[in-house]
Amino acid sequence: MVILLKLLIFLSASAAGWLVWYVISQKKRPTSHKASPYLAKELLILVNGDTNTARRLLRNINRTNPGRSVDWCLEKVILDLERDRR
């Protein structure tokens, strides 16, 4: 169980870095604020490490809220997921 938890933390950390890079690279506006690694990691935990789902959710939020910062989009996705799970 401990080994599985350590593996999950390692995978989520590397996936979080990739997710931050992906979100920043997809921005069409020059507002290049770096995404918080904490928020990216939190999102990956909520989607059980599924980076495709995380990307899809972020892309949809970016489309409906153009001009918002990366952190704002991550927070919006996280709050929506937490709200929908209640």
N, C-alpha and C. Protein backbone atom coordinates (compact mmCIF):
# COMPACT_ATOMS: atom_id res chain seq x y z
N MET A 1 0.82 -1.18 0.00
CA MET A 1 0.00 0.00 0.00
C MET A 1 0.87 1.26 0.00
N VAL A 2 1.93 1.27 0.80
CA VAL A 2 2.83 2.42 0.87
C VAL A 2 3.54 2.61 -0.47
N ILE A 3 3.97 1.50 -1.07
CA ILE A 3 4.65 1.59 -2.36
C ILE A 3 3.70 2.14 -3.42
N LEU A 4 2.45 1.69 -3.39
CA LEU A 4 1.46 2.18 -4.34
C LEU A 4 1.22 3.68 -4.16
N LEU A 5 1.16 4.12 -2.90
CA LEU A 5 0.97 5.53 -2.62
C LEU A 5 2.16 6.36 -3.11
N LYS A 6 3.38 5.87 -2.87
CA LYS A 6 4.57 6.57 -3.35
C LYS A 6 4.60 6.64 -4.87
N LEU A 7 4.20 5.56 -5.53
CA LEU A 7 4.15 5.54 -6.99
C LEU A 7 3.12 6.54 -7.50
N LEU A 8 1.96 6.60 -6.86
CA LEU A 8 0.92 7.54 -7.26
C LEU A 8 1.39 8.98 -7.09
N ILE A 9 2.08 9.27 -5.99
CA ILE A 9 2.60 10.62 -5.77
C ILE A 9 3.63 10.97 -6.84
N PHE A 10 4.52 10.03 -7.15
CA PHE A 10 5.53 10.28 -8.19
C PHE A 10 4.87 10.53 -9.53
N LEU A 11 3.92 9.68 -9.89
CA LEU A 11 3.25 9.83 -11.19
C LEU A 11 2.45 11.12 -11.25
N SER A 12 1.79 11.47 -10.15
CA SER A 12 1.00 12.69 -10.17
C SER A 12 1.91 13.92 -10.25
N ALA A 13 3.08 13.86 -9.63
CA ALA A 13 4.00 15.00 -9.71
C ALA A 13 4.51 15.19 -11.14
N SER A 14 4.88 14.10 -11.82
CA SER A 14 5.36 14.24 -13.19
C SER A 14 4.21 14.62 -14.12
N ALA A 15 3.04 14.06 -13.89
CA ALA A 15 1.89 14.41 -14.73
C ALA A 15 1.46 15.85 -14.47
N ALA A 16 1.59 16.32 -13.24
CA ALA A 16 1.22 17.70 -12.93
C ALA A 16 2.12 18.67 -13.71
N GLY A 17 3.41 18.37 -13.77
CA GLY A 17 4.32 19.21 -14.54
C GLY A 17 3.96 19.23 -16.01
N TRP A 18 3.61 18.07 -16.54
CA TRP A 18 3.20 17.99 -17.94
C TRP A 18 1.91 18.75 -18.16
N LEU A 19 0.97 18.64 -17.22
CA LEU A 19 -0.32 19.32 -17.34
C LEU A 19 -0.13 20.84 -17.31
N VAL A 20 0.73 21.32 -16.44
CA VAL A 20 1.02 22.76 -16.39
C VAL A 20 1.59 23.22 -17.72
N TRP A 21 2.53 22.47 -18.26
CA TRP A 21 3.10 22.82 -19.56
C TRP A 21 2.01 22.83 -20.63
N TYR A 22 1.15 21.83 -20.64
CA TYR A 22 0.10 21.74 -21.66
C TYR A 22 -0.84 22.93 -21.59
N VAL A 23 -1.27 23.28 -20.39
CA VAL A 23 -2.21 24.39 -20.23
C VAL A 23 -1.58 25.69 -20.71
N ILE A 24 -0.33 25.91 -20.35
CA ILE A 24 0.35 27.13 -20.76
C ILE A 24 0.54 27.16 -22.27
N SER A 25 0.88 26.02 -22.87
CA SER A 25 1.11 26.00 -24.31
C SER A 25 -0.18 26.18 -25.11
N GLN A 26 -1.32 25.89 -24.51
CA GLN A 26 -2.59 26.02 -25.21
C GLN A 26 -3.17 27.43 -25.14
N LYS A 27 -2.60 28.28 -24.30
CA LYS A 27 -3.12 29.64 -24.18
C LYS A 27 -2.88 30.41 -25.47
N LYS A 28 -3.91 31.08 -25.96
CA LYS A 28 -3.79 31.86 -27.18
C LYS A 28 -3.47 33.32 -26.87
N ARG A 29 -3.73 33.74 -25.67
CA ARG A 29 -3.47 35.11 -25.28
C ARG A 29 -2.08 35.21 -24.63
N PRO A 30 -1.46 36.37 -24.70
CA PRO A 30 -0.11 36.51 -24.17
C PRO A 30 -0.02 36.57 -22.64
N THR A 31 -1.10 36.38 -21.92
CA THR A 31 -1.05 36.37 -20.46
C THR A 31 -0.45 35.06 -20.00
N SER A 32 0.86 35.00 -19.94
CA SER A 32 1.54 33.74 -19.67
C SER A 32 1.90 33.59 -18.20
N HIS A 33 0.90 33.61 -17.34
CA HIS A 33 1.16 33.32 -15.94
C HIS A 33 1.35 31.83 -15.80
N LYS A 34 2.32 31.45 -15.02
CA LYS A 34 2.55 30.03 -14.82
C LYS A 34 1.45 29.46 -13.95
N ALA A 35 1.05 28.25 -14.28
CA ALA A 35 0.04 27.57 -13.49
C ALA A 35 0.67 27.06 -12.20
N SER A 36 -0.11 27.09 -11.16
CA SER A 36 0.35 26.60 -9.88
C SER A 36 0.48 25.07 -9.91
N PRO A 37 1.66 24.54 -9.59
CA PRO A 37 1.81 23.08 -9.57
C PRO A 37 0.87 22.44 -8.56
N TYR A 38 0.57 23.16 -7.47
CA TYR A 38 -0.35 22.63 -6.48
C TYR A 38 -1.73 22.42 -7.08
N LEU A 39 -2.23 23.39 -7.85
CA LEU A 39 -3.55 23.27 -8.46
C LEU A 39 -3.57 22.16 -9.50
N ALA A 40 -2.51 22.06 -10.29
CA ALA A 40 -2.44 21.01 -11.31
C ALA A 40 -2.45 19.63 -10.64
N LYS A 41 -1.71 19.50 -9.55
CA LYS A 41 -1.67 18.23 -8.83
C LYS A 41 -3.03 17.90 -8.23
N GLU A 42 -3.69 18.92 -7.69
CA GLU A 42 -5.02 18.74 -7.10
C GLU A 42 -6.02 18.26 -8.15
N LEU A 43 -5.96 18.84 -9.34
CA LEU A 43 -6.85 18.42 -10.42
C LEU A 43 -6.58 16.98 -10.81
N LEU A 44 -5.32 16.61 -10.92
CA LEU A 44 -5.00 15.23 -11.28
C LEU A 44 -5.47 14.24 -10.23
N ILE A 45 -5.41 14.63 -8.98
CA ILE A 45 -5.92 13.75 -7.93
C ILE A 45 -7.43 13.56 -8.09
N LEU A 46 -8.14 14.65 -8.39
CA LEU A 46 -9.59 14.58 -8.54
C LEU A 46 -10.03 13.73 -9.73
N VAL A 47 -9.21 13.70 -10.79
CA VAL A 47 -9.57 12.89 -11.96
C VAL A 47 -8.82 11.57 -11.98
N ASN A 48 -8.28 11.19 -10.82
CA ASN A 48 -7.58 9.90 -10.66
C ASN A 48 -6.42 9.73 -11.64
N GLY A 49 -5.70 10.80 -11.89
CA GLY A 49 -4.51 10.74 -12.74
C GLY A 49 -4.79 10.69 -14.23
N ASP A 50 -6.03 10.84 -14.63
CA ASP A 50 -6.39 10.78 -16.06
C ASP A 50 -6.10 12.13 -16.72
N THR A 51 -4.93 12.24 -17.36
CA THR A 51 -4.53 13.52 -17.95
C THR A 51 -5.42 13.91 -19.12
N ASN A 52 -5.96 12.94 -19.85
CA ASN A 52 -6.86 13.27 -20.96
C ASN A 52 -8.12 13.96 -20.44
N THR A 53 -8.67 13.46 -19.35
CA THR A 53 -9.85 14.09 -18.76
C THR A 53 -9.52 15.48 -18.26
N ALA A 54 -8.38 15.62 -17.59
CA ALA A 54 -7.97 16.94 -17.08
C ALA A 54 -7.81 17.93 -18.23
N ARG A 55 -7.16 17.50 -19.31
CA ARG A 55 -6.98 18.39 -20.48
C ARG A 55 -8.32 18.79 -21.08
N ARG A 56 -9.23 17.81 -21.20
CA ARG A 56 -10.55 18.09 -21.79
C ARG A 56 -11.31 19.11 -20.94
N LEU A 57 -11.31 18.93 -19.63
CA LEU A 57 -12.01 19.85 -18.75
C LEU A 57 -11.40 21.25 -18.83
N LEU A 58 -10.08 21.34 -18.84
CA LEU A 58 -9.43 22.65 -18.94
C LEU A 58 -9.69 23.32 -20.29
N ARG A 59 -9.67 22.53 -21.34
CA ARG A 59 -9.95 23.07 -22.67
C ARG A 59 -11.35 23.66 -22.74
N ASN A 60 -12.34 22.95 -22.16
CA ASN A 60 -13.71 23.44 -22.17
C ASN A 60 -13.85 24.73 -21.37
N ILE A 61 -13.19 24.80 -20.23
CA ILE A 61 -13.25 26.03 -19.42
C ILE A 61 -12.57 27.17 -20.16
N ASN A 62 -11.45 26.89 -20.83
CA ASN A 62 -10.75 27.93 -21.61
C ASN A 62 -11.63 28.46 -22.73
N ARG A 63 -12.36 27.58 -23.38
CA ARG A 63 -13.23 28.01 -24.49
C ARG A 63 -14.37 28.89 -24.00
N THR A 64 -14.96 28.53 -22.86
CA THR A 64 -16.11 29.30 -22.37
C THR A 64 -15.71 30.54 -21.59
N ASN A 65 -14.45 30.64 -21.18
CA ASN A 65 -13.96 31.78 -20.41
C ASN A 65 -12.65 32.30 -20.98
N PRO A 66 -12.66 32.83 -22.20
CA PRO A 66 -11.40 33.29 -22.79
C PRO A 66 -10.84 34.48 -22.02
N GLY A 67 -9.52 34.52 -21.95
CA GLY A 67 -8.86 35.63 -21.28
C GLY A 67 -8.62 35.42 -19.80
N ARG A 68 -9.14 34.34 -19.25
CA ARG A 68 -8.91 34.05 -17.83
C ARG A 68 -7.53 33.44 -17.65
N SER A 69 -6.97 33.59 -16.46
CA SER A 69 -5.64 33.05 -16.20
C SER A 69 -5.69 31.53 -16.08
N VAL A 70 -4.53 30.92 -16.19
CA VAL A 70 -4.43 29.46 -16.09
C VAL A 70 -4.86 29.00 -14.70
N ASP A 71 -4.42 29.72 -13.68
CA ASP A 71 -4.80 29.35 -12.32
C ASP A 71 -6.32 29.46 -12.13
N TRP A 72 -6.92 30.49 -12.69
CA TRP A 72 -8.36 30.65 -12.57
C TRP A 72 -9.07 29.45 -13.20
N CYS A 73 -8.61 29.03 -14.39
CA CYS A 73 -9.22 27.89 -15.07
C CYS A 73 -9.05 26.61 -14.25
N LEU A 74 -7.86 26.40 -13.69
CA LEU A 74 -7.64 25.22 -12.85
C LEU A 74 -8.56 25.26 -11.63
N GLU A 75 -8.66 26.42 -10.98
CA GLU A 75 -9.53 26.53 -9.81
C GLU A 75 -10.98 26.27 -10.17
N LYS A 76 -11.42 26.78 -11.32
CA LYS A 76 -12.80 26.59 -11.77
C LYS A 76 -13.10 25.11 -11.99
N VAL A 77 -12.19 24.41 -12.66
CA VAL A 77 -12.39 22.98 -12.90
C VAL A 77 -12.44 22.22 -11.58
N ILE A 78 -11.53 22.54 -10.67
CA ILE A 78 -11.49 21.86 -9.37
C ILE A 78 -12.77 22.10 -8.59
N LEU A 79 -13.20 23.35 -8.53
CA LEU A 79 -14.43 23.67 -7.79
C LEU A 79 -15.65 23.01 -8.42
N ASP A 80 -15.71 22.99 -9.75
CA ASP A 80 -16.83 22.33 -10.42
C ASP A 80 -16.86 20.84 -10.12
N LEU A 81 -15.70 20.19 -10.15
CA LEU A 81 -15.64 18.76 -9.84
C LEU A 81 -16.07 18.49 -8.39
N GLU A 82 -15.57 19.30 -7.46
CA GLU A 82 -15.92 19.11 -6.06
C GLU A 82 -17.41 19.36 -5.84
N ARG A 83 -17.96 20.37 -6.50
CA ARG A 83 -19.39 20.67 -6.37
C ARG A 83 -20.23 19.52 -6.92
N ASP A 84 -19.83 18.98 -8.06
CA ASP A 84 -20.62 17.92 -8.69
C ASP A 84 -20.54 16.60 -7.94
N ARG A 85 -19.56 16.44 -7.08
CA ARG A 85 -19.42 15.20 -6.32
C ARG A 85 -20.19 15.22 -5.01
N ARG A 86 -20.76 16.34 -4.66
CA ARG A 86 -21.54 16.42 -3.41
C ARG A 86 -22.92 15.89 -3.61
